[in-house]
């Protein structure tokens, strides 16, 4: 399977990129590198892709497992190397689940399945970074 993404220069340090779904978004350098804060930064988008890929897996799996939760978010911390080309060499993915009666065993199983089997972006990250996982349960 081949995906095609087209990214076109708009002006200055701003690019517009599409997605196979047809949606578009802007990519831009940081202000210290000539950007105007109108677009998303390329490396940070990689962290968003990681969270989105795993998050989609987890939500799908928890739905099949009939697990209830009121809020779910993923924080991804990426540490860049000092030398150019700078890349993420250490990544921490934190899964936060909120609810009144969280089924910790099933939630952990869903996260583990995403991390170890289903999330292709997670596997890509493992090729160049040390990836750590943490699950946080917020009962209320």
N, C-alpha and C. Protein backbone atom coordinates (compact mmCIF):
# COMPACT_ATOMS: atom_id res chain seq x y z
N UNK A 1 0.85 -1.18 0.00
CA UNK A 1 0.00 0.00 0.00
C UNK A 1 0.89 1.25 0.00
N UNK A 2 0.55 2.19 -0.83
CA UNK A 2 1.32 3.42 -0.92
C UNK A 2 0.42 4.60 -0.61
N UNK A 3 0.86 5.46 0.31
CA UNK A 3 0.17 6.72 0.60
C UNK A 3 0.89 7.83 -0.14
N UNK A 4 0.13 8.80 -0.63
CA UNK A 4 0.71 9.99 -1.24
C UNK A 4 0.30 11.19 -0.43
N UNK A 5 1.29 11.96 -0.01
CA UNK A 5 1.08 13.22 0.69
C UNK A 5 1.79 14.29 -0.13
N UNK A 6 1.09 15.38 -0.42
CA UNK A 6 1.69 16.48 -1.16
C UNK A 6 1.82 17.69 -0.24
N UNK A 7 3.01 18.24 -0.17
CA UNK A 7 3.28 19.39 0.69
C UNK A 7 3.80 20.51 -0.20
N UNK A 8 3.11 21.64 -0.14
CA UNK A 8 3.41 22.76 -1.04
C UNK A 8 3.80 24.00 -0.25
N UNK A 9 4.86 24.66 -0.71
CA UNK A 9 5.29 25.91 -0.10
C UNK A 9 4.25 26.97 -0.36
N UNK A 10 3.88 27.71 0.69
CA UNK A 10 2.90 28.79 0.57
C UNK A 10 3.61 30.14 0.52
N UNK A 11 4.40 30.42 1.55
CA UNK A 11 5.17 31.67 1.64
C UNK A 11 6.08 31.59 2.84
N UNK A 12 7.13 32.40 2.85
CA UNK A 12 8.04 32.42 4.00
C UNK A 12 8.49 31.03 4.36
N UNK A 13 8.19 30.62 5.58
CA UNK A 13 8.54 29.28 6.07
C UNK A 13 7.28 28.42 6.30
N UNK A 14 6.23 28.72 5.54
CA UNK A 14 4.93 28.06 5.70
C UNK A 14 4.64 27.13 4.52
N UNK A 15 4.25 25.90 4.84
CA UNK A 15 3.86 24.90 3.85
C UNK A 15 2.46 24.40 4.17
N UNK A 16 1.71 24.02 3.14
CA UNK A 16 0.44 23.35 3.35
C UNK A 16 0.60 21.91 2.90
N UNK A 17 0.16 20.99 3.74
CA UNK A 17 0.29 19.57 3.44
C UNK A 17 -1.08 18.93 3.46
N UNK A 18 -1.26 17.92 2.62
CA UNK A 18 -2.52 17.20 2.65
C UNK A 18 -2.31 15.82 3.26
N UNK A 19 -3.37 15.08 3.32
CA UNK A 19 -3.38 13.76 3.91
C UNK A 19 -4.21 12.89 2.97
N UNK A 20 -3.95 11.59 2.90
CA UNK A 20 -4.77 10.74 2.02
C UNK A 20 -6.28 10.86 2.27
N UNK A 21 -6.68 11.33 3.46
CA UNK A 21 -8.10 11.53 3.74
C UNK A 21 -8.65 12.77 3.05
N UNK A 22 -7.76 13.61 2.52
CA UNK A 22 -8.19 14.84 1.87
C UNK A 22 -8.10 16.07 2.75
N UNK A 23 -7.84 15.88 4.02
CA UNK A 23 -7.70 17.02 4.92
C UNK A 23 -6.34 17.68 4.73
N UNK A 24 -6.27 18.97 5.05
CA UNK A 24 -5.01 19.70 4.93
C UNK A 24 -4.65 20.36 6.25
N UNK A 25 -3.37 20.68 6.39
CA UNK A 25 -2.89 21.40 7.56
C UNK A 25 -1.61 22.13 7.18
N UNK A 26 -1.21 23.06 8.03
CA UNK A 26 -0.01 23.86 7.76
C UNK A 26 1.16 23.39 8.60
N UNK A 27 2.33 23.41 8.00
CA UNK A 27 3.59 23.09 8.65
C UNK A 27 4.47 24.32 8.56
N UNK A 28 5.14 24.64 9.66
CA UNK A 28 5.97 25.85 9.65
C UNK A 28 7.12 25.72 10.63
N UNK A 29 8.19 26.44 10.34
CA UNK A 29 9.33 26.51 11.24
C UNK A 29 8.96 27.30 12.49
N UNK A 30 9.74 27.13 13.54
CA UNK A 30 9.54 27.90 14.77
C UNK A 30 9.86 29.37 14.50
N UNK A 31 9.35 30.29 15.33
CA UNK A 31 9.64 31.71 15.14
C UNK A 31 11.14 32.02 15.11
N UNK A 32 11.93 31.30 15.92
CA UNK A 32 13.38 31.56 15.92
C UNK A 32 14.05 31.13 14.62
N UNK A 33 13.31 30.38 13.79
CA UNK A 33 13.83 29.96 12.49
C UNK A 33 13.01 30.55 11.34
N UNK A 34 12.33 31.66 11.60
CA UNK A 34 11.64 32.39 10.55
C UNK A 34 10.16 32.12 10.41
N UNK A 35 9.60 31.28 11.26
CA UNK A 35 8.16 30.99 11.20
C UNK A 35 7.34 32.09 11.85
N UNK A 36 6.04 32.09 11.55
CA UNK A 36 5.12 33.10 12.09
C UNK A 36 4.08 32.48 13.03
N UNK A 37 4.32 31.28 13.51
CA UNK A 37 3.40 30.56 14.40
C UNK A 37 2.03 30.31 13.77
N UNK A 38 2.01 30.05 12.45
CA UNK A 38 0.76 29.74 11.76
C UNK A 38 0.62 28.25 11.49
N UNK A 39 1.71 27.50 11.63
CA UNK A 39 1.66 26.08 11.31
C UNK A 39 2.22 25.21 12.41
N UNK A 40 2.10 23.93 12.20
CA UNK A 40 2.61 22.94 13.14
C UNK A 40 4.07 22.64 12.82
N UNK A 41 4.84 22.30 13.82
CA UNK A 41 6.26 22.02 13.62
C UNK A 41 6.44 20.56 13.21
N UNK A 42 7.31 20.31 12.24
CA UNK A 42 7.45 18.96 11.67
C UNK A 42 7.80 17.87 12.69
N UNK A 43 8.77 18.11 13.55
CA UNK A 43 9.16 17.05 14.49
C UNK A 43 8.05 16.80 15.50
N UNK A 44 7.41 17.85 16.00
CA UNK A 44 6.33 17.68 16.96
C UNK A 44 5.15 16.93 16.33
N UNK A 45 4.95 17.10 15.02
CA UNK A 45 3.91 16.33 14.34
C UNK A 45 4.16 14.83 14.45
N UNK A 46 5.42 14.45 14.49
CA UNK A 46 5.74 13.03 14.65
C UNK A 46 5.22 12.52 15.99
N UNK A 47 5.35 13.34 17.03
CA UNK A 47 4.85 12.94 18.34
C UNK A 47 3.33 12.85 18.32
N UNK A 48 2.68 13.79 17.61
CA UNK A 48 1.22 13.73 17.47
C UNK A 48 0.80 12.48 16.72
N UNK A 49 1.56 12.11 15.69
CA UNK A 49 1.25 10.90 14.93
C UNK A 49 1.35 9.66 15.80
N UNK A 50 2.36 9.64 16.66
CA UNK A 50 2.53 8.52 17.58
C UNK A 50 1.33 8.42 18.52
N UNK A 51 0.95 9.54 19.12
CA UNK A 51 -0.19 9.54 20.04
C UNK A 51 -1.48 9.18 19.31
N UNK A 52 -1.67 9.74 18.12
CA UNK A 52 -2.89 9.46 17.37
C UNK A 52 -3.01 8.00 16.97
N UNK A 53 -1.91 7.43 16.50
CA UNK A 53 -1.91 6.03 16.08
C UNK A 53 -2.26 5.11 17.25
N UNK A 54 -1.56 5.28 18.35
CA UNK A 54 -1.81 4.43 19.51
C UNK A 54 -3.18 4.72 20.11
N UNK A 55 -3.56 5.99 20.16
CA UNK A 55 -4.87 6.35 20.71
C UNK A 55 -6.02 5.71 19.95
N UNK A 56 -5.92 5.70 18.63
CA UNK A 56 -6.96 5.05 17.82
C UNK A 56 -7.05 3.57 18.14
N UNK A 57 -5.90 2.92 18.29
CA UNK A 57 -5.89 1.50 18.67
C UNK A 57 -6.59 1.30 20.00
N UNK A 58 -6.17 2.09 20.99
CA UNK A 58 -6.66 1.91 22.36
C UNK A 58 -8.17 2.13 22.44
N UNK A 59 -8.66 3.19 21.81
CA UNK A 59 -10.11 3.46 21.84
C UNK A 59 -10.88 2.32 21.18
N UNK A 60 -10.37 1.84 20.06
CA UNK A 60 -11.04 0.72 19.37
C UNK A 60 -11.06 -0.53 20.24
N UNK A 61 -9.92 -0.84 20.83
CA UNK A 61 -9.83 -2.04 21.68
C UNK A 61 -10.71 -1.91 22.92
N UNK A 62 -10.71 -0.74 23.56
CA UNK A 62 -11.53 -0.57 24.76
C UNK A 62 -13.01 -0.64 24.44
N UNK A 63 -13.40 -0.17 23.26
CA UNK A 63 -14.80 -0.28 22.85
C UNK A 63 -15.19 -1.75 22.72
N UNK A 64 -14.31 -2.55 22.08
CA UNK A 64 -14.58 -3.99 21.95
C UNK A 64 -14.63 -4.68 23.30
N UNK A 65 -13.80 -4.21 24.24
CA UNK A 65 -13.75 -4.80 25.58
C UNK A 65 -14.86 -4.25 26.49
N UNK A 66 -15.61 -3.28 25.99
CA UNK A 66 -16.69 -2.63 26.74
C UNK A 66 -16.19 -1.98 28.03
N UNK A 67 -15.06 -1.29 27.89
CA UNK A 67 -14.48 -0.60 29.05
C UNK A 67 -14.97 0.85 29.06
N UNK A 68 -15.44 1.27 30.21
CA UNK A 68 -15.95 2.63 30.39
C UNK A 68 -14.85 3.56 30.90
N UNK A 69 -14.84 4.78 30.39
CA UNK A 69 -13.95 5.85 30.86
C UNK A 69 -14.59 7.16 30.46
N UNK A 70 -14.28 8.22 31.18
CA UNK A 70 -14.89 9.52 30.87
C UNK A 70 -13.95 10.43 30.09
N UNK A 71 -12.65 10.21 30.23
CA UNK A 71 -11.67 11.04 29.54
C UNK A 71 -10.42 10.21 29.30
N UNK A 72 -9.80 10.44 28.14
CA UNK A 72 -8.58 9.72 27.79
C UNK A 72 -7.70 10.69 27.02
N UNK A 73 -6.47 10.84 27.47
CA UNK A 73 -5.52 11.67 26.74
C UNK A 73 -4.15 11.02 26.77
N UNK A 74 -3.34 11.40 25.81
CA UNK A 74 -1.98 10.88 25.71
C UNK A 74 -1.02 12.05 25.65
N UNK A 75 -0.05 12.06 26.56
CA UNK A 75 1.04 13.04 26.54
C UNK A 75 2.27 12.33 26.00
N UNK A 76 2.91 12.92 25.00
CA UNK A 76 4.13 12.34 24.46
C UNK A 76 5.26 13.34 24.64
N UNK A 77 6.30 12.91 25.35
CA UNK A 77 7.48 13.74 25.60
C UNK A 77 8.59 13.23 24.70
N UNK A 78 9.14 14.10 23.88
CA UNK A 78 10.23 13.70 23.00
C UNK A 78 11.49 14.47 23.32
N UNK A 79 12.60 13.76 23.49
CA UNK A 79 13.90 14.38 23.77
C UNK A 79 14.74 14.34 22.50
N UNK A 80 15.18 15.51 22.07
CA UNK A 80 15.99 15.61 20.85
C UNK A 80 17.47 15.43 21.15
N UNK A 81 18.18 14.90 20.18
CA UNK A 81 19.64 14.80 20.28
C UNK A 81 20.24 16.20 20.24
N UNK A 82 21.47 16.33 20.70
CA UNK A 82 22.15 17.63 20.69
C UNK A 82 22.72 17.97 19.31
N UNK A 83 23.18 16.94 18.60
CA UNK A 83 23.85 17.14 17.31
C UNK A 83 22.87 17.12 16.14
N UNK A 84 23.21 17.85 15.09
CA UNK A 84 22.43 17.83 13.85
C UNK A 84 22.77 16.60 13.04
N UNK A 85 21.85 15.97 12.38
CA UNK A 85 20.43 16.31 12.38
C UNK A 85 19.77 15.87 13.70
N UNK A 86 19.08 16.79 14.33
CA UNK A 86 18.45 16.49 15.62
C UNK A 86 17.24 15.60 15.41
N UNK A 87 17.14 14.56 16.21
CA UNK A 87 16.00 13.65 16.13
C UNK A 87 15.65 13.20 17.55
N UNK A 88 14.46 12.64 17.69
CA UNK A 88 14.03 12.15 19.00
C UNK A 88 14.74 10.83 19.30
N UNK A 89 15.56 10.84 20.34
CA UNK A 89 16.24 9.60 20.73
C UNK A 89 15.62 8.98 21.99
N UNK A 90 14.82 9.76 22.71
CA UNK A 90 14.11 9.25 23.88
C UNK A 90 12.68 9.78 23.83
N UNK A 91 11.73 8.88 24.02
CA UNK A 91 10.32 9.25 23.97
C UNK A 91 9.59 8.58 25.13
N UNK A 92 8.76 9.36 25.81
CA UNK A 92 7.90 8.83 26.87
C UNK A 92 6.46 9.06 26.43
N UNK A 93 5.69 7.98 26.38
CA UNK A 93 4.28 8.05 26.03
C UNK A 93 3.48 7.78 27.30
N UNK A 94 2.72 8.79 27.74
CA UNK A 94 1.93 8.68 28.96
C UNK A 94 0.44 8.64 28.61
N UNK A 95 -0.21 7.55 28.98
CA UNK A 95 -1.63 7.37 28.76
C UNK A 95 -2.36 7.75 30.04
N UNK A 96 -3.32 8.66 29.94
CA UNK A 96 -4.10 9.11 31.10
C UNK A 96 -5.57 8.73 30.90
N UNK A 97 -6.07 7.93 31.82
CA UNK A 97 -7.47 7.51 31.78
C UNK A 97 -8.20 8.05 33.00
N UNK A 98 -9.37 8.62 32.77
CA UNK A 98 -10.20 9.16 33.85
C UNK A 98 -11.53 8.42 33.87
N UNK A 99 -12.02 8.18 35.06
CA UNK A 99 -13.32 7.53 35.21
C UNK A 99 -13.59 7.17 36.66
N UNK A 100 -14.81 6.72 36.93
CA UNK A 100 -15.17 6.39 38.32
C UNK A 100 -14.85 4.95 38.67
N UNK A 101 -14.90 4.05 37.69
CA UNK A 101 -14.60 2.65 37.95
C UNK A 101 -13.77 2.09 36.81
N UNK A 102 -12.52 2.51 36.74
CA UNK A 102 -11.65 2.10 35.63
C UNK A 102 -11.23 0.64 35.78
N UNK A 103 -11.33 -0.10 34.69
CA UNK A 103 -10.90 -1.49 34.67
C UNK A 103 -9.41 -1.50 34.27
N UNK A 104 -8.55 -1.41 35.27
CA UNK A 104 -7.12 -1.27 35.03
C UNK A 104 -6.53 -2.42 34.23
N UNK A 105 -7.01 -3.62 34.48
CA UNK A 105 -6.47 -4.80 33.80
C UNK A 105 -6.76 -4.73 32.30
N UNK A 106 -7.99 -4.40 31.93
CA UNK A 106 -8.36 -4.31 30.52
C UNK A 106 -7.70 -3.11 29.84
N UNK A 107 -7.61 -2.01 30.55
CA UNK A 107 -6.95 -0.82 29.99
C UNK A 107 -5.49 -1.13 29.70
N UNK A 108 -4.82 -1.77 30.65
CA UNK A 108 -3.41 -2.12 30.43
C UNK A 108 -3.27 -3.07 29.24
N UNK A 109 -4.20 -4.02 29.11
CA UNK A 109 -4.15 -4.95 27.99
C UNK A 109 -4.30 -4.20 26.67
N UNK A 110 -5.21 -3.25 26.60
CA UNK A 110 -5.43 -2.47 25.37
C UNK A 110 -4.19 -1.66 25.01
N UNK A 111 -3.61 -1.00 26.00
CA UNK A 111 -2.39 -0.21 25.75
C UNK A 111 -1.26 -1.13 25.29
N UNK A 112 -1.08 -2.25 25.98
CA UNK A 112 -0.01 -3.18 25.61
C UNK A 112 -0.19 -3.71 24.19
N UNK A 113 -1.41 -4.02 23.80
CA UNK A 113 -1.66 -4.50 22.44
C UNK A 113 -1.31 -3.43 21.41
N UNK A 114 -1.66 -2.20 21.70
CA UNK A 114 -1.31 -1.11 20.78
C UNK A 114 0.20 -0.97 20.68
N UNK A 115 0.86 -0.90 21.83
CA UNK A 115 2.30 -0.68 21.88
C UNK A 115 3.08 -1.82 21.24
N UNK A 116 2.69 -3.03 21.54
CA UNK A 116 3.47 -4.20 21.12
C UNK A 116 3.05 -4.80 19.78
N UNK A 117 1.81 -4.58 19.34
CA UNK A 117 1.35 -5.28 18.16
C UNK A 117 0.78 -4.39 17.06
N UNK A 118 -0.07 -3.42 17.40
CA UNK A 118 -0.86 -2.76 16.38
C UNK A 118 -0.33 -1.42 15.86
N UNK A 119 0.29 -0.62 16.70
CA UNK A 119 0.65 0.74 16.31
C UNK A 119 1.93 0.77 15.46
N UNK A 120 1.76 0.99 14.16
CA UNK A 120 2.90 1.04 13.25
C UNK A 120 3.81 2.23 13.51
N UNK A 121 3.23 3.34 13.94
CA UNK A 121 4.07 4.50 14.24
C UNK A 121 4.95 4.21 15.45
N UNK A 122 4.43 3.50 16.42
CA UNK A 122 5.22 3.10 17.60
C UNK A 122 6.41 2.25 17.15
N UNK A 123 6.17 1.32 16.24
CA UNK A 123 7.24 0.47 15.73
C UNK A 123 8.29 1.31 14.99
N UNK A 124 7.84 2.29 14.22
CA UNK A 124 8.80 3.18 13.53
C UNK A 124 9.67 3.91 14.54
N UNK A 125 9.06 4.43 15.59
CA UNK A 125 9.83 5.15 16.61
C UNK A 125 10.87 4.25 17.26
N UNK A 126 10.51 2.98 17.47
CA UNK A 126 11.45 2.06 18.12
C UNK A 126 12.71 1.85 17.28
N UNK A 127 12.66 2.18 16.00
CA UNK A 127 13.83 2.02 15.14
C UNK A 127 14.90 3.06 15.42
N UNK A 128 14.52 4.18 16.04
CA UNK A 128 15.51 5.24 16.26
C UNK A 128 15.46 5.85 17.66
N UNK A 129 14.53 5.42 18.49
CA UNK A 129 14.41 6.03 19.82
C UNK A 129 14.15 4.98 20.89
N UNK A 130 14.55 5.31 22.10
CA UNK A 130 14.18 4.51 23.27
C UNK A 130 12.79 4.97 23.67
N UNK A 131 11.80 4.07 23.61
CA UNK A 131 10.41 4.42 23.88
C UNK A 131 9.99 3.81 25.21
N UNK A 132 9.50 4.66 26.10
CA UNK A 132 8.98 4.20 27.39
C UNK A 132 7.49 4.53 27.46
N UNK A 133 6.76 3.69 28.19
CA UNK A 133 5.32 3.80 28.30
C UNK A 133 4.94 3.94 29.78
N UNK A 134 3.95 4.78 30.06
CA UNK A 134 3.40 4.89 31.41
C UNK A 134 1.88 5.02 31.29
N UNK A 135 1.17 4.34 32.20
CA UNK A 135 -0.29 4.43 32.23
C UNK A 135 -0.67 5.05 33.57
N UNK A 136 -1.52 6.08 33.52
CA UNK A 136 -1.98 6.77 34.72
C UNK A 136 -3.50 6.64 34.80
N UNK A 137 -3.99 6.20 35.97
CA UNK A 137 -5.40 6.02 36.20
C UNK A 137 -5.87 7.12 37.14
N UNK A 138 -6.86 7.87 36.72
CA UNK A 138 -7.39 8.96 37.52
C UNK A 138 -8.84 8.62 37.86
N UNK A 139 -9.04 8.05 39.03
CA UNK A 139 -10.38 7.67 39.48
C UNK A 139 -11.05 8.83 40.17
N UNK A 140 -12.31 9.04 39.81
CA UNK A 140 -13.10 10.10 40.47
C UNK A 140 -14.57 9.77 40.41
